[in-house]
Protein backbone atom coordinates (compact mmCIF):
# COMPACT_ATOMS: atom_id res chain seq x y z
CA MET A 1 130.43 113.28 105.30
CA LEU A 2 129.73 110.91 108.18
CA VAL A 3 126.14 110.13 109.18
CA PHE A 4 125.24 108.92 112.67
CA TYR A 5 121.88 107.44 113.67
CA LYS A 6 121.21 108.86 117.15
CA GLY A 7 124.87 108.36 118.16
CA TRP A 8 124.22 108.00 121.88
CA HIS A 9 127.69 106.53 122.49
CA PHE A 10 129.68 109.46 121.09
CA ASP A 11 130.62 112.59 123.02
CA ALA A 12 131.11 116.14 121.78
CA ASP A 13 134.92 115.89 121.62
CA PHE A 14 134.73 112.83 119.37
CA ILE A 15 132.26 114.50 116.98
CA ALA A 16 134.48 117.60 116.86
CA GLN A 17 137.50 115.44 115.94
CA VAL A 18 135.53 113.68 113.20
CA ARG A 19 134.54 117.04 111.72
CA ARG A 20 138.15 118.27 111.69
CA ARG A 21 139.56 115.08 110.15
CA PHE A 22 136.87 113.86 107.77
CA GLY A 23 134.38 116.64 107.01
CA PRO A 24 130.70 117.33 107.77
CA THR A 25 128.84 115.25 110.37
CA VAL A 26 125.11 114.54 110.37
CA ASN A 27 122.91 113.07 113.10
CA ILE A 28 119.60 111.40 112.26
CA PHE A 29 117.84 111.86 115.58
CA PRO A 30 114.68 109.79 116.19
CA ASP A 31 113.65 110.76 119.72
CA CYS A 32 111.41 113.28 121.40
CA SER A 33 114.15 115.36 123.08
CA PRO A 34 117.94 115.56 122.61
CA HIS A 35 118.14 116.33 126.34
CA ALA A 36 116.48 113.08 127.46
CA HIS A 37 119.56 110.83 127.24
CA GLY A 38 122.01 112.52 129.57
CA GLU A 39 124.55 115.32 129.35
CA ARG A 40 126.93 113.49 127.00
CA MET A 41 124.40 113.30 124.20
CA ALA A 42 122.87 116.70 124.95
CA ARG A 43 126.28 118.34 124.41
CA ALA A 44 127.25 116.22 121.42
CA ILE A 45 124.06 117.05 119.50
CA GLY A 46 125.13 120.68 119.32
CA VAL A 47 128.42 119.85 117.55
CA TYR A 48 127.04 118.15 114.42
CA ASP A 49 126.80 120.19 111.23
CA LEU A 50 123.23 118.99 110.65
CA ILE A 51 120.52 117.28 112.67
CA VAL A 52 117.84 115.40 110.73
CA THR A 53 115.03 114.99 113.25
CA THR A 54 111.92 112.84 113.02
CA LYS A 55 109.99 115.40 115.11
CA PRO A 56 108.25 118.30 113.33
CA PHE A 57 108.32 120.54 116.41
CA GLN A 58 112.10 120.45 116.86
CA PRO A 59 113.40 122.64 113.98
CA PRO A 60 111.44 125.79 114.98
CA ALA A 61 112.37 125.24 118.65
CA TRP A 62 115.96 124.15 118.03
CA ASN A 63 117.45 127.35 119.44
CA SER A 64 114.75 128.66 121.77
CA THR A 65 113.77 125.42 123.55
CA TYR A 66 116.87 123.26 123.16
CA GLY A 67 119.59 125.90 122.99
CA TYR A 68 121.41 124.80 119.82
CA SER A 69 122.76 126.93 116.97
CA ASN A 70 123.46 124.22 114.36
CA ALA A 71 121.05 123.35 111.55
CA CYS A 72 118.03 121.09 112.12
CA VAL A 73 115.63 119.77 109.47
CA TYR A 74 112.60 117.48 109.69
CA VAL A 75 112.16 114.14 107.93
CA PRO A 76 109.43 111.89 109.39
CA HIS A 77 109.72 108.38 110.77
CA GLY A 78 109.01 105.53 108.38
CA TYR A 79 108.72 101.77 108.12
CA ASP A 80 111.23 99.19 106.92
CA PRO A 81 109.78 97.49 103.82
CA GLN A 82 111.93 94.41 104.41
CA LEU A 83 110.54 94.00 107.93
CA HIS A 84 107.16 95.65 108.45
CA LEU A 85 105.48 95.42 105.05
CA ARG A 86 102.68 92.84 104.72
CA ARG A 87 100.54 92.74 101.58
CA GLU A 88 97.57 90.98 103.19
CA PRO A 89 95.79 91.32 106.55
CA GLY A 90 96.62 88.85 109.32
CA ARG A 91 94.59 85.64 109.14
CA GLU A 92 94.77 84.66 112.82
CA GLN A 93 93.80 87.30 115.36
CA PRO A 94 93.41 85.63 118.76
CA TYR A 95 93.29 88.97 120.61
CA ASP A 96 90.59 91.60 120.51
CA VAL A 97 93.08 94.33 121.31
CA VAL A 98 96.89 94.49 121.17
CA LEU A 99 99.14 97.23 122.55
CA VAL A 100 102.85 96.94 121.73
CA ALA A 101 104.87 99.65 123.49
CA SER A 102 107.25 100.11 126.40
CA GLY A 103 105.39 100.96 129.60
CA ARG A 104 105.65 104.52 130.92
CA ASP A 105 103.56 106.61 133.31
CA GLU A 106 101.32 108.11 130.64
CA TYR A 107 100.62 104.70 129.11
CA HIS A 108 100.07 103.11 132.53
CA ALA A 109 97.36 105.67 133.24
CA LEU A 110 95.72 104.94 129.89
CA VAL A 111 95.64 101.18 130.52
CA ARG A 112 94.26 101.61 134.06
CA ASP A 113 91.48 103.84 132.72
CA LEU A 114 90.66 101.31 130.00
CA ALA A 115 90.62 98.48 132.54
CA ALA A 116 88.09 100.40 134.63
CA GLN A 117 85.57 100.36 131.76
CA ARG A 118 83.26 97.39 132.27
CA PRO A 119 82.57 96.70 128.55
CA LEU A 120 86.32 96.15 128.04
CA ARG A 121 87.05 93.93 131.01
CA ASP A 122 86.07 90.65 129.34
CA LEU A 123 87.90 91.34 126.09
CA LYS A 124 91.07 89.44 125.29
CA VAL A 125 93.79 92.09 125.48
CA ALA A 126 97.55 91.62 125.03
CA ILE A 127 99.98 94.27 126.33
CA VAL A 128 103.45 93.67 124.90
CA GLY A 129 106.64 95.36 126.06
CA ASN A 130 108.85 96.01 129.07
CA GLY A 131 107.86 98.28 131.94
CA TRP A 132 104.28 97.11 132.45
CA GLN A 133 104.55 95.40 135.83
CA ALA A 134 103.27 98.60 137.44
CA VAL A 135 99.79 97.80 136.08
CA ALA A 136 99.83 94.03 136.60
CA ALA A 137 97.58 94.23 139.67
CA ASP A 138 95.10 96.58 137.95
CA ILE A 139 94.26 94.72 134.75
CA PRO A 140 91.41 92.20 134.34
CA ALA A 141 92.03 88.45 134.33
CA ALA A 142 91.36 88.25 130.58
CA TRP A 143 94.19 90.68 129.84
CA SER A 144 97.80 89.48 129.60
CA LEU A 145 101.29 91.00 129.77
CA HIS A 146 104.07 89.84 127.46
CA PRO A 147 107.78 90.76 127.20
CA SER A 148 109.16 93.01 124.46
CA LYS A 149 109.16 91.70 120.91
CA PHE A 150 111.53 92.76 118.18
CA GLY A 151 111.95 92.30 114.44
CA VAL A 152 109.58 89.86 112.79
CA SER A 153 108.14 88.88 116.19
CA TYR A 154 107.12 92.51 116.79
CA VAL A 155 105.23 92.60 113.50
CA ASP A 156 103.62 89.21 114.17
CA TRP A 157 102.29 90.45 117.52
CA LEU A 158 100.81 93.57 115.95
CA ARG A 159 98.94 91.35 113.50
CA ARG A 160 97.51 89.17 116.28
CA GLY A 161 95.06 91.88 117.32
CA ARG A 162 91.75 92.73 115.69
CA ILE A 163 92.44 96.25 116.98
CA VAL A 164 95.88 97.74 117.67
CA ILE A 165 96.30 100.73 119.99
CA ALA A 166 98.92 103.28 118.92
CA PRO A 167 99.77 105.58 121.86
CA VAL A 168 102.16 108.53 121.88
CA GLN A 169 103.82 110.25 124.81
CA ARG A 170 102.27 113.71 124.68
CA ARG A 171 104.13 115.05 127.76
CA MET A 172 107.91 115.21 128.01
CA VAL A 173 109.62 116.56 131.15
CA VAL A 174 113.42 116.76 131.21
CA GLY A 175 115.18 118.08 134.30
CA GLY A 176 111.91 119.43 135.62
CA VAL A 177 111.29 121.42 132.44
CA GLU A 178 108.39 120.51 130.15
CA GLN A 179 109.33 120.13 126.49
CA PRO A 180 107.19 119.27 123.44
CA GLY A 181 105.83 115.72 123.46
CA GLU A 182 105.43 113.20 120.66
CA GLN A 183 103.29 113.90 117.62
CA ASP A 184 103.93 110.49 116.04
CA THR A 185 106.20 107.49 116.54
CA ALA A 186 107.70 104.80 114.33
CA ARG A 187 104.55 102.75 115.17
CA THR A 188 102.48 105.36 113.35
CA TYR A 189 103.89 104.07 110.06
CA GLU A 190 104.86 100.48 110.92
CA ILE A 191 101.35 99.42 111.96
CA ALA A 192 99.83 100.63 108.70
CA ALA A 193 102.56 98.92 106.68
CA ALA A 194 101.81 95.68 108.55
CA HIS A 195 98.20 95.90 107.34
CA CYS A 196 96.64 96.27 110.82
CA PHE A 197 93.57 98.19 111.93
CA PHE A 198 94.70 100.68 114.58
CA ILE A 199 93.33 103.49 116.71
CA HIS A 200 95.93 106.24 117.16
CA ARG A 201 96.32 108.89 119.82
CA ARG A 202 95.09 112.20 118.41
CA THR A 203 97.79 114.83 117.80
CA SER A 204 97.92 117.94 115.63
CA LEU A 205 100.16 116.10 113.13
CA LEU A 206 98.03 112.99 112.58
CA PRO A 207 95.42 114.51 110.21
CA SER A 208 98.25 115.28 107.77
CA ILE A 209 99.34 111.60 107.86
CA TYR A 210 96.03 109.68 107.81
CA ASP A 211 92.39 110.52 107.24
CA GLU A 212 90.61 109.96 110.57
CA GLU A 213 87.39 108.72 108.99
CA ARG A 214 88.83 106.41 106.32
CA GLU A 215 92.34 105.37 107.42
CA ALA A 216 93.04 105.72 111.15
CA PRO A 217 90.49 106.50 113.88
CA LEU A 218 91.90 108.79 116.58
CA TYR A 219 91.33 109.11 120.33
CA ASP A 220 91.95 111.83 122.91
CA ASP A 221 91.48 109.89 126.14
CA ALA A 222 90.63 106.46 127.51
CA GLY A 223 86.91 107.13 127.35
CA GLU A 224 86.97 107.87 123.63
CA LEU A 225 89.37 104.99 122.98
CA GLY A 226 87.18 102.52 124.86
CA ALA A 227 84.08 103.63 122.97
CA LYS A 228 85.85 103.22 119.63
CA ILE A 229 87.16 99.78 120.56
CA ILE A 230 83.60 98.62 121.29
CA HIS A 231 82.28 100.33 118.15
CA TYR A 232 84.75 98.70 115.76
CA LEU A 233 85.21 95.31 117.42
CA ASP A 234 82.26 93.60 115.72
CA ARG A 235 82.53 95.52 112.45
CA ASP A 236 84.95 93.23 110.64
CA ASP A 237 84.32 94.59 107.16
CA GLU A 238 84.68 98.19 108.28
CA ARG A 239 87.96 97.45 110.08
CA ALA A 240 89.30 95.62 107.03
CA ALA A 241 88.44 98.53 104.73
CA ILE A 242 90.06 101.09 107.05
CA ALA A 243 93.19 98.95 107.52
CA SER A 244 93.51 98.54 103.75
CA ALA A 245 93.14 102.28 103.17
CA ALA A 246 95.83 103.10 105.76
CA HIS A 247 98.10 100.47 104.25
CA HIS A 248 97.76 101.95 100.78
CA ARG A 249 98.40 105.44 102.14
CA ALA A 250 101.60 104.27 103.89
CA ALA A 251 103.04 101.94 101.26
CA PRO A 252 105.32 103.03 99.71
CA ALA A 253 105.00 106.75 100.60
CA TYR A 254 106.06 106.30 104.25
CA SER A 255 108.81 103.72 103.64
CA PHE A 256 112.46 104.02 104.61
CA ASP A 257 113.22 104.25 100.88
CA ALA A 258 111.08 107.37 100.53
CA ARG A 259 112.49 108.88 103.73
CA ALA A 260 116.05 108.12 102.56
CA GLU A 261 115.41 110.12 99.38
CA GLU A 262 114.38 113.09 101.53
CA ILE A 263 117.48 112.74 103.69
CA VAL A 264 119.74 112.55 100.63
CA ARG A 265 118.27 115.85 99.43
CA CYS A 266 119.15 117.38 102.81
CA LEU A 267 122.69 116.00 102.59
CA LYS A 268 123.16 117.45 99.12
CA GLN A 269 122.09 120.86 100.39
CA LEU A 270 124.60 120.55 103.24
């Protein structure tokens, strides 16, 4: 069989030819909606023999919401042990808060609401990623914007913050139609593997991944997030204990190696 990861470049006719000539085709699809990347990919996704999605809400909605008749199974995101895994906490943390994510409307609104909270305005906050110029005029002078970071640099920036914010995009609108939003992202697992203390956006999936009290505090809105930032900022020992607990939960259970074993089981069934 031939396995594609996302496969954005390949159209439906190509996938159909591969199936005829070589055998079963599989797509490991990491994103929130197969309709969010244009018509070429939306059509191609329906041609694969099997979709392995990282989103738990997609398999039950594969026909009703997305309109596909092929098979779809769920295997969660994970972290790369060769890249993200750090056995010890970061020693230098020049920032109080770090957010590493591409800017989008939902995240812009979150940052503006945080910036409006007076206790947060004097903190040293780093926002890392493309698409954040929309909020440049709204953030305090002590906050800074930085371009996207990848690979080892991405992990290093996560570890520069005493607190890391882990947002998810809870609303997804494609072609004017609302579809299910994110429940987790790759960050959900990478940040824990990197041995960081993080506060994660609350979703229905998160309690099955981390314990909110011991491993990953959760937030619903900017008000709750701001309050938790202030609460944990001066509690170094408590943050260290929570970060360590999340790390031990994630490593190695949430690694690419463990996820690959799950995918191989799916391939054998196919």
